[in-house]
Amino acid sequence: MAELAWFSHVPGMKPGNLPPVLACGAWLKNAACLLTSGQPQWSVLHGDLSHPDACRALEVSARALLHDAHHPVVAVAHDLHPDFYSSRLATELAHELGVPAIGVQHHHAHIAAVMAEHGVQGAVVGLALDGVGLGTDGAAWGGELLWVDQTAWRRMGHLWPLALPGGDVAAREPWRMAAAALHALGRTHQVGSRFSSVAGESAAHMVQRMLERNINCPATSSTGRWFDAAAGALGLSVHQAHEAEAAMALEQQATAWLAQNHTPIVLHGVDTQAMEQLDIRSLLTRLLETPADGDGVPAAAAWFHLALADALADWAALAAEQTGTRTVCLGGGCFLNKLLTSHVTASLQQRGLRVLLPQSCGDAGLALGQAWVAAHQVVAGHPTHPETESLSCV
């Protein structure tokens, strides 16, 4: 048997009549999961699949889980991204076994993992907030409001999209995301002069031209990139060597300020009535007007966290009201931010809503959601092509 990860048994998970399904996880913090008799059996954490050793370890783990399964699996689940090694491995294993390989949208899997852990029956509203996951439209998602039940799901809304000037490089250079925020506010002409001192005059003006001409600037609804923009606007991070480094710096500033200041923060309202697209551009306006590295940075970081949490809670509560659900599931790596999570949770609970979180908010627990979705799909009798979304996105 493959060595089990730290969350091999999920408290509260109820045995069910779901058929056994193997899931191969996604790209970051990869782990495989075999869902059998309603209970997950986990592999070790393999790490990010950018490393060949992690890819080899995933295959060893997946085959070990299959070998030790008490009953043959009926499907192999994976992320929608066709270039992930985990997706290619899932397709290969499914072909060997003669069972369907079922693609599950990344953020759908995040919310499904919460439902699986807590044995949820019926529909929920889900907030799935992370750095990136491939959407069903081929775009980069990451700030998602979903409705999910056992047999269907739909994307109810998403955060206002930001441009990614330079594509993936923008995720490593938060100043570019702050530049994208200026662009979203109609202030593209300020990019070159504002960021020349931190990024160099040539790079800053190049990014300004890219934004002006929409050259190599794909859009993303990613919450992680909004945090990068906030950190970049406050001068907390120019380049980040590690994932979420800028967001953690922002959280640390906010937490330290709130620990010493008990004066209520006056939050500017964000219009949450436009369900399809939560416009939080106004939150960046204050940050962009705060002198970087000045005395006001910690207070601005705190204000951003609380204002964002307030807007997200209002948004999810409105979705719950419109759909008649009383449960909100929170998933995705941005909920590793304790300050954001505590305030979103408290705000939703004050509205009388039940709030559920997974043991692992990030991608390490994603395979459970993939397996749970695929198992329900098999029960419903709707297997799909490996590169299509599982169940119905209605």
Protein backbone atom coordinates (compact mmCIF):
# COMPACT_ATOMS: atom_id res chain seq x y z
CA MET A 1 0.00 0.00 0.00
CA ALA A 2 1.29 3.47 -0.80
CA GLU A 3 2.16 5.45 2.28
CA LEU A 4 -0.80 7.56 3.31
CA ALA A 5 -0.54 11.32 3.49
CA TRP A 6 -1.26 13.24 6.70
CA PHE A 7 -4.97 13.46 5.98
CA SER A 8 -5.50 9.80 5.08
CA HIS A 9 -8.75 9.59 7.04
CA VAL A 10 -11.19 12.46 6.91
CA PRO A 11 -13.27 12.88 10.10
CA GLY A 12 -16.95 13.06 9.33
CA MET A 13 -16.72 11.48 5.90
CA LYS A 14 -19.56 9.03 5.58
CA PRO A 15 -19.29 5.70 3.76
CA GLY A 16 -21.46 5.64 0.68
CA ASN A 17 -22.39 3.60 -2.31
CA LEU A 18 -20.00 5.38 -4.61
CA PRO A 19 -17.94 3.13 -6.88
CA PRO A 20 -14.14 3.16 -6.49
CA VAL A 21 -12.35 5.91 -8.45
CA LEU A 22 -8.69 6.85 -8.65
CA ALA A 23 -7.81 10.56 -9.00
CA CYS A 24 -4.39 11.83 -10.02
CA GLY A 25 -4.59 15.38 -8.69
CA ALA A 26 -3.34 18.49 -10.45
CA TRP A 27 0.08 20.15 -10.84
CA LEU A 28 1.05 21.86 -7.59
CA LYS A 29 1.52 19.90 -4.34
CA ASN A 30 0.39 16.78 -6.12
CA ALA A 31 -1.10 13.79 -4.32
CA ALA A 32 -3.19 10.92 -5.68
CA CYS A 33 -6.35 9.65 -4.02
CA LEU A 34 -8.32 6.41 -4.27
CA LEU A 35 -11.91 6.93 -3.18
CA THR A 36 -13.43 3.60 -2.19
CA SER A 37 -16.49 2.83 -0.03
CA GLY A 38 -16.82 6.56 0.50
CA GLN A 39 -13.38 6.83 2.13
CA PRO A 40 -10.17 8.28 0.67
CA GLN A 41 -6.86 6.49 0.56
CA TRP A 42 -4.07 8.95 -0.09
CA SER A 43 -0.62 8.71 -1.55
CA VAL A 44 2.29 10.67 -0.15
CA LEU A 45 2.65 14.26 -1.29
CA HIS A 46 4.71 14.26 -4.46
CA GLY A 47 5.28 18.00 -4.72
CA ASP A 48 4.99 20.04 -7.89
CA LEU A 49 4.99 18.09 -11.13
CA SER A 50 7.56 20.39 -12.69
CA HIS A 51 10.12 17.97 -11.21
CA PRO A 52 10.67 14.62 -12.99
CA ASP A 53 11.11 12.85 -9.65
CA ALA A 54 7.66 14.01 -8.58
CA CYS A 55 6.16 12.70 -11.83
CA ARG A 56 7.79 9.32 -11.35
CA ALA A 57 6.63 9.21 -7.72
CA LEU A 58 3.05 9.97 -8.78
CA GLU A 59 3.01 7.04 -11.21
CA VAL A 60 4.42 4.70 -8.56
CA SER A 61 1.83 5.87 -6.03
CA ALA A 62 -1.08 5.65 -8.46
CA ARG A 63 -0.20 2.13 -9.50
CA ALA A 64 0.26 1.08 -5.87
CA LEU A 65 -3.17 2.41 -4.98
CA LEU A 66 -4.67 0.50 -7.90
CA HIS A 67 -2.82 -2.67 -6.94
CA ASP A 68 -4.04 -2.57 -3.36
CA ALA A 69 -7.64 -1.60 -4.16
CA HIS A 70 -10.19 -4.13 -2.93
CA HIS A 71 -12.33 -3.61 -6.03
CA PRO A 72 -11.45 -2.51 -9.58
CA VAL A 73 -11.82 1.19 -10.18
CA VAL A 74 -14.53 2.34 -12.58
CA ALA A 75 -12.82 5.59 -13.68
CA VAL A 76 -9.66 7.65 -13.34
CA ALA A 77 -10.14 11.37 -12.65
CA HIS A 78 -7.84 14.29 -13.43
CA ASP A 79 -7.63 18.04 -13.91
CA LEU A 80 -8.94 19.59 -17.13
CA HIS A 81 -5.49 20.86 -18.12
CA PRO A 82 -4.32 18.48 -20.86
CA ASP A 83 -0.62 19.30 -20.42
CA PHE A 84 -0.37 18.31 -16.75
CA TYR A 85 1.56 15.09 -16.26
CA SER A 86 -1.20 14.00 -13.88
CA SER A 87 -3.76 14.36 -16.69
CA ARG A 88 -1.64 12.40 -19.14
CA LEU A 89 -1.00 9.67 -16.56
CA ALA A 90 -4.70 9.42 -15.77
CA THR A 91 -5.51 8.97 -19.44
CA GLU A 92 -2.83 6.30 -19.78
CA LEU A 93 -4.01 4.37 -16.72
CA ALA A 94 -7.64 4.60 -17.80
CA HIS A 95 -6.72 3.20 -21.21
CA GLU A 96 -4.85 0.30 -19.59
CA LEU A 97 -7.81 -0.46 -17.33
CA GLY A 98 -10.47 0.01 -19.98
CA VAL A 99 -12.33 2.65 -17.94
CA PRO A 100 -13.14 6.29 -18.68
CA ALA A 101 -10.68 9.08 -17.86
CA ILE A 102 -12.79 11.92 -16.50
CA GLY A 103 -11.65 15.55 -16.47
CA VAL A 104 -12.86 17.66 -13.57
CA GLN A 105 -12.61 21.45 -13.60
CA HIS A 106 -10.10 22.65 -11.01
CA HIS A 107 -12.36 24.86 -8.87
CA HIS A 108 -15.27 22.46 -9.09
CA ALA A 109 -12.90 19.88 -7.58
CA HIS A 110 -11.93 22.27 -4.75
CA ILE A 111 -15.56 22.66 -3.67
CA ALA A 112 -16.31 18.97 -4.24
CA ALA A 113 -13.43 18.07 -1.90
CA VAL A 114 -15.11 20.04 0.89
CA MET A 115 -18.44 18.33 0.19
CA ALA A 116 -16.78 14.92 0.20
CA GLU A 117 -14.96 15.53 3.50
CA HIS A 118 -18.09 16.70 5.27
CA GLY A 119 -20.50 14.21 3.71
CA VAL A 120 -22.65 16.99 2.29
CA GLN A 121 -25.91 16.00 0.68
CA GLY A 122 -27.65 18.50 -1.56
CA ALA A 123 -26.50 21.75 -3.09
CA VAL A 124 -23.97 24.28 -1.79
CA VAL A 125 -22.55 27.62 -2.81
CA GLY A 126 -18.80 27.50 -3.16
CA LEU A 127 -16.11 30.17 -3.04
CA ALA A 128 -13.04 28.74 -4.79
CA LEU A 129 -10.15 31.20 -4.50
CA ASP A 130 -6.62 30.38 -5.64
CA GLY A 131 -3.80 31.28 -7.99
CA VAL A 132 -4.92 29.56 -11.15
CA GLY A 133 -6.89 26.70 -12.60
CA LEU A 134 -7.98 26.07 -16.17
CA GLY A 135 -11.60 27.01 -16.77
CA THR A 136 -14.06 25.29 -19.05
CA ASP A 137 -13.67 28.24 -21.44
CA GLY A 138 -9.90 27.77 -21.64
CA ALA A 139 -9.19 30.87 -19.55
CA ALA A 140 -7.27 31.14 -16.27
CA TRP A 141 -9.78 31.04 -13.41
CA GLY A 142 -9.13 31.59 -9.71
CA GLY A 143 -11.81 33.78 -8.13
CA GLU A 144 -14.92 31.66 -8.54
CA LEU A 145 -18.44 31.64 -7.14
CA LEU A 146 -19.99 28.24 -7.85
CA TRP A 147 -23.19 26.33 -7.25
CA VAL A 148 -22.50 22.62 -6.81
CA ASP A 149 -24.47 19.50 -5.98
CA GLN A 150 -23.80 15.81 -6.53
CA THR A 151 -24.87 15.73 -10.17
CA ALA A 152 -24.31 19.22 -11.59
CA TRP A 153 -22.51 22.51 -11.09
CA ARG A 154 -22.42 25.98 -12.56
CA ARG A 155 -20.22 29.03 -12.41
CA MET A 156 -22.37 31.76 -10.92
CA GLY A 157 -19.73 34.46 -11.03
CA HIS A 158 -16.07 35.41 -10.86
CA LEU A 159 -13.82 38.25 -9.75
CA TRP A 160 -13.20 41.13 -12.11
CA PRO A 161 -10.49 39.86 -14.47
CA LEU A 162 -7.00 41.31 -14.47
CA ALA A 163 -4.57 41.20 -17.35
CA LEU A 164 -1.41 39.11 -17.00
CA PRO A 165 1.21 41.26 -18.74
CA GLY A 166 3.77 38.80 -20.00
CA GLY A 167 1.66 35.75 -19.16
CA ASP A 168 3.02 33.48 -16.43
CA VAL A 169 5.87 35.87 -15.61
CA ALA A 170 3.29 38.24 -14.10
CA ALA A 171 2.67 35.70 -11.31
CA ARG A 172 6.35 36.01 -10.33
CA GLU A 173 6.51 39.80 -10.49
CA PRO A 174 3.75 41.45 -8.39
CA TRP A 175 4.58 44.90 -9.74
CA ARG A 176 3.19 43.70 -13.08
CA MET A 177 -0.11 42.83 -11.39
CA ALA A 178 -0.18 46.28 -9.77
CA ALA A 179 0.35 47.65 -13.28
CA ALA A 180 -2.56 45.49 -14.45
CA ALA A 181 -4.68 47.01 -11.67
CA LEU A 182 -3.83 50.50 -12.92
CA HIS A 183 -4.85 49.35 -16.38
CA ALA A 184 -8.15 47.97 -15.05
CA LEU A 185 -8.80 51.37 -13.45
CA GLY A 186 -8.24 53.15 -16.76
CA ARG A 187 -4.87 54.55 -15.67
CA THR A 188 -2.60 52.65 -18.05
CA HIS A 189 -0.70 55.81 -18.91
CA GLN A 190 0.69 55.90 -15.35
CA VAL A 191 2.33 52.46 -15.47
CA GLY A 192 5.69 53.48 -16.94
CA SER A 193 6.34 56.39 -14.60
CA ARG A 194 5.03 54.63 -11.48
CA PHE A 195 7.06 51.42 -11.78
CA SER A 196 10.27 52.61 -13.41
CA SER A 197 11.97 52.96 -10.03
CA VAL A 198 11.20 49.40 -8.93
CA ALA A 199 11.32 47.47 -12.21
CA GLY A 200 13.55 49.62 -14.39
CA GLU A 201 12.44 52.19 -16.93
CA SER A 202 12.66 49.82 -19.89
CA ALA A 203 10.60 47.04 -18.26
CA ALA A 204 7.99 49.42 -16.88
CA HIS A 205 7.39 51.14 -20.21
CA MET A 206 7.37 47.80 -22.02
CA VAL A 207 4.59 46.55 -19.72
CA GLN A 208 2.68 49.79 -20.28
CA ARG A 209 2.83 49.26 -24.04
CA MET A 210 1.79 45.62 -23.66
CA LEU A 211 -1.26 46.66 -21.67
CA GLU A 212 -2.14 49.49 -24.04
CA ARG A 213 -1.99 47.19 -27.07
CA ASN A 214 -3.22 44.02 -25.33
CA ILE A 215 -0.11 42.11 -26.39
CA ASN A 216 0.56 38.90 -24.43
CA CYS A 217 -1.87 39.99 -21.72
CA PRO A 218 -4.27 37.08 -21.12
CA ALA A 219 -7.01 37.74 -18.59
CA THR A 220 -7.42 35.95 -15.28
CA SER A 221 -10.03 36.00 -12.52
CA SER A 222 -7.41 34.74 -10.06
CA THR A 223 -7.72 35.88 -6.45
CA GLY A 224 -4.03 35.17 -5.99
CA ARG A 225 -3.19 37.72 -8.67
CA TRP A 226 -5.38 40.32 -6.93
CA PHE A 227 -3.33 39.74 -3.78
CA ASP A 228 -0.17 40.14 -5.85
CA ALA A 229 -1.54 43.41 -7.22
CA ALA A 230 -2.24 44.65 -3.70
CA ALA A 231 1.24 43.72 -2.49
CA GLY A 232 2.82 45.26 -5.57
CA ALA A 233 0.83 48.47 -5.16
CA LEU A 234 2.07 48.84 -1.57
CA GLY A 235 5.67 48.09 -2.50
CA LEU A 236 5.76 44.90 -0.42
CA SER A 237 6.96 42.69 -3.26
CA VAL A 238 8.55 43.35 -6.63
CA HIS A 239 9.70 39.82 -7.46
CA GLN A 240 8.64 36.68 -5.59
CA ALA A 241 10.85 33.62 -5.51
CA HIS A 242 8.23 31.38 -3.93
CA GLU A 243 4.53 30.79 -4.45
CA ALA A 244 2.30 33.24 -2.52
CA GLU A 245 5.30 35.13 -1.13
CA ALA A 246 3.70 38.50 -1.90
CA ALA A 247 0.33 37.49 -0.45
CA MET A 248 1.97 36.28 2.76
CA ALA A 249 3.86 39.56 3.12
CA LEU A 250 0.56 41.41 2.73
CA GLU A 251 -1.14 39.19 5.33
CA GLN A 252 1.72 39.65 7.81
CA GLN A 253 1.48 43.43 7.55
CA ALA A 254 -2.28 43.32 8.01
CA THR A 255 -2.19 40.90 10.94
CA ALA A 256 0.45 42.92 12.78
CA TRP A 257 -1.53 46.14 12.34
CA LEU A 258 -4.80 44.59 13.52
CA ALA A 259 -3.09 43.13 16.59
CA GLN A 260 -2.20 46.63 17.74
CA ASN A 261 -5.19 48.62 16.52
CA HIS A 262 -8.76 48.02 17.60
CA THR A 263 -10.33 50.98 15.85
CA PRO A 264 -12.95 49.67 13.41
CA ILE A 265 -11.93 50.06 9.80
CA VAL A 266 -14.40 51.92 7.64
CA LEU A 267 -14.88 49.72 4.61
CA HIS A 268 -15.81 51.12 1.23
CA GLY A 269 -18.74 49.22 -0.18
CA VAL A 270 -18.30 46.92 -3.15
CA ASP A 271 -21.34 46.31 -5.32
CA THR A 272 -22.12 42.61 -4.95
CA GLN A 273 -25.44 42.76 -6.78
CA ALA A 274 -23.82 42.03 -10.15
CA MET A 275 -23.54 38.33 -9.42
CA GLU A 276 -21.69 37.38 -12.61
CA GLN A 277 -18.67 39.59 -11.93
CA LEU A 278 -17.53 40.92 -8.54
CA ASP A 279 -15.90 44.28 -9.24
CA ILE A 280 -13.23 44.86 -6.58
CA ARG A 281 -11.21 47.40 -8.54
CA SER A 282 -12.10 50.10 -6.02
CA LEU A 283 -10.14 48.22 -3.36
CA LEU A 284 -6.94 48.81 -5.30
CA THR A 285 -7.57 52.54 -5.64
CA ARG A 286 -6.75 53.23 -1.99
CA LEU A 287 -3.69 51.00 -2.08
CA LEU A 288 -2.33 52.69 -5.17
CA GLU A 289 -2.70 56.01 -3.40
CA THR A 290 -0.80 54.81 -0.31
CA PRO A 291 2.92 55.71 -0.43
CA ALA A 292 4.85 52.44 -0.82
CA ASP A 293 6.90 51.43 2.22
CA GLY A 294 5.35 54.29 4.20
CA ASP A 295 3.68 54.28 7.61
CA GLY A 296 0.27 53.72 6.07
CA VAL A 297 1.14 50.40 4.42
CA PRO A 298 0.13 48.09 7.32
CA ALA A 299 -3.22 49.83 7.76
CA ALA A 300 -3.88 49.68 4.02
CA ALA A 301 -3.03 45.96 3.99
CA ALA A 302 -5.49 45.39 6.84
CA TRP A 303 -8.16 47.44 5.12
CA PHE A 304 -7.72 45.45 1.91
CA HIS A 305 -8.15 42.12 3.71
CA LEU A 306 -11.27 43.17 5.59
CA ALA A 307 -12.87 44.94 2.65
CA LEU A 308 -12.25 41.96 0.38
CA ALA A 309 -13.58 39.54 3.00
CA ASP A 310 -16.70 41.66 3.42
CA ALA A 311 -17.32 41.76 -0.33
CA LEU A 312 -16.78 38.02 -0.74
CA ALA A 313 -19.16 37.21 2.12
CA ASP A 314 -21.86 39.50 0.71
CA TRP A 315 -21.41 37.91 -2.71
CA ALA A 316 -21.67 34.34 -1.42
CA ALA A 317 -24.61 35.18 0.85
CA LEU A 318 -26.51 36.66 -2.07
CA ALA A 319 -25.83 33.52 -4.10
CA ALA A 320 -27.07 31.36 -1.23
CA GLU A 321 -30.25 33.41 -1.02
CA GLN A 322 -30.86 33.20 -4.75
CA THR A 323 -30.30 29.44 -4.91
CA GLY A 324 -32.03 28.56 -1.65
CA THR A 325 -28.96 26.91 -0.13
CA ARG A 326 -27.77 27.39 3.45
CA THR A 327 -24.26 25.94 3.13
CA VAL A 328 -21.19 27.75 1.80
CA CYS A 329 -18.01 25.79 1.09
CA LEU A 330 -14.65 27.56 0.99
CA GLY A 331 -11.83 26.02 -1.03
CA GLY A 332 -8.60 26.93 -2.78
CA GLY A 333 -5.17 28.02 -1.62
CA CYS A 334 -6.16 31.61 -0.82
CA PHE A 335 -8.03 30.28 2.21
CA LEU A 336 -4.69 29.40 3.74
CA ASN A 337 -4.75 33.11 4.56
CA LYS A 338 -6.06 32.96 8.13
CA LEU A 339 -7.09 36.60 8.24
CA LEU A 340 -9.18 36.38 5.08
CA THR A 341 -10.67 33.04 6.09
CA SER A 342 -11.65 34.05 9.61
CA HIS A 343 -13.42 37.21 8.46
CA VAL A 344 -15.23 35.57 5.54
CA THR A 345 -16.34 32.72 7.81
CA ALA A 346 -17.51 35.00 10.63
CA SER A 347 -19.41 37.25 8.23
CA LEU A 348 -21.22 34.32 6.62
CA GLN A 349 -22.03 32.73 9.97
CA GLN A 350 -23.51 36.02 11.19
CA ARG A 351 -25.95 35.66 8.33
CA GLY A 352 -26.99 32.24 9.62
CA LEU A 353 -25.13 30.29 6.95
CA ARG A 354 -23.23 27.05 7.52
CA VAL A 355 -19.59 27.41 6.49
CA LEU A 356 -17.40 24.42 5.65
CA LEU A 357 -13.66 24.24 4.93
CA PRO A 358 -11.44 21.33 3.93
CA GLN A 359 -8.49 20.04 5.94
CA SER A 360 -6.28 21.07 3.04
CA CYS A 361 -7.37 24.25 1.25
CA GLY A 362 -4.72 23.98 -1.44
CA ASP A 363 -4.13 21.59 -4.29
CA ALA A 364 -2.78 18.84 -2.02
CA GLY A 365 -6.37 17.84 -1.26
CA LEU A 366 -7.75 18.37 -4.76
CA ALA A 367 -7.72 14.71 -5.84
CA LEU A 368 -10.47 13.86 -3.36
CA GLY A 369 -12.79 16.33 -5.10
CA GLN A 370 -11.85 14.93 -8.50
CA ALA A 371 -12.63 11.38 -7.38
CA TRP A 372 -15.90 12.37 -5.71
CA VAL A 373 -17.14 14.19 -8.82
CA ALA A 374 -16.13 11.37 -11.16
CA ALA A 375 -17.73 8.73 -8.94
CA HIS A 376 -21.03 10.61 -8.95
CA GLN A 377 -20.76 10.99 -12.69
CA VAL A 378 -20.36 7.24 -13.18
CA VAL A 379 -23.36 6.60 -10.92
CA ALA A 380 -25.37 9.09 -12.98
CA GLY A 381 -24.29 7.29 -16.15
CA HIS A 382 -22.67 10.24 -17.88
CA PRO A 383 -19.03 9.42 -18.64
CA THR A 384 -17.31 12.08 -20.73
CA HIS A 385 -14.33 12.52 -22.99
CA PRO A 386 -11.09 12.94 -20.97
CA GLU A 387 -10.68 16.58 -22.02
CA THR A 388 -14.22 17.68 -21.22
CA GLU A 389 -15.68 18.78 -17.92
CA SER A 390 -17.28 16.10 -15.85
CA LEU A 391 -20.97 16.18 -14.93
CA SER A 392 -23.07 18.96 -16.35
CA CYS A 393 -21.99 22.57 -16.03
CA VAL A 394 -25.41 24.15 -16.31
